[in-house]
Amino acid sequence: MNPSPFLPPHSHPSQRLATRALAAGAIALLSVISTGCVVKEQVVVKQAPAHVQVRYMPAPIAEDRGAQPGPGWSWLPGHWKWEGRDWAWVHGHWVQHTVPVMPAVIVEEITVAPSPMHFWVPGHWVWRLDAGGWIWVKGSWHA
């Protein structure tokens, strides 16, 4: 069913939003005229930024594990981590403890950029033995 009789069924979301804002203003005006009450109403329509710069991590690098050094050794896979201004590859290597599988990526909402010069670095997992294994580094804005 078409949500608005004033627009074609496949209209752009910004058109539908603008039509709803105009309708709300018309209803408010009619209520003032019919009741004599003065109602202050402000409709604010915010559009999402047209272009958000995101610095996605590159594809994983294939690495040769070589032979397992001995019993009790686990492979810690290589992975990307953000280091200041760019992504850096942390090479995989053998370690003498259990390494759980890297958890699934956490989908984060990209917030409003502090300025047009800022870019978004998505959240990602990094290995930190001192922190107990894989830790999530939250996405953030950088300039």
Foldseek 3Di string as FASTA:
>chain_A
DQPDPVDPSPDDPVVVVVVVVVVVVVVQVVCCVVPVDDDDDDDDDDDDDPDAAEQEADDDDDDDAPDQPDPQKDKDQWDWDDDQPHIDIDHIYIDNHDADDADDFDDDDDDDAPDPPKHKYAKDWDADVVVPTIDIDHIDIDD
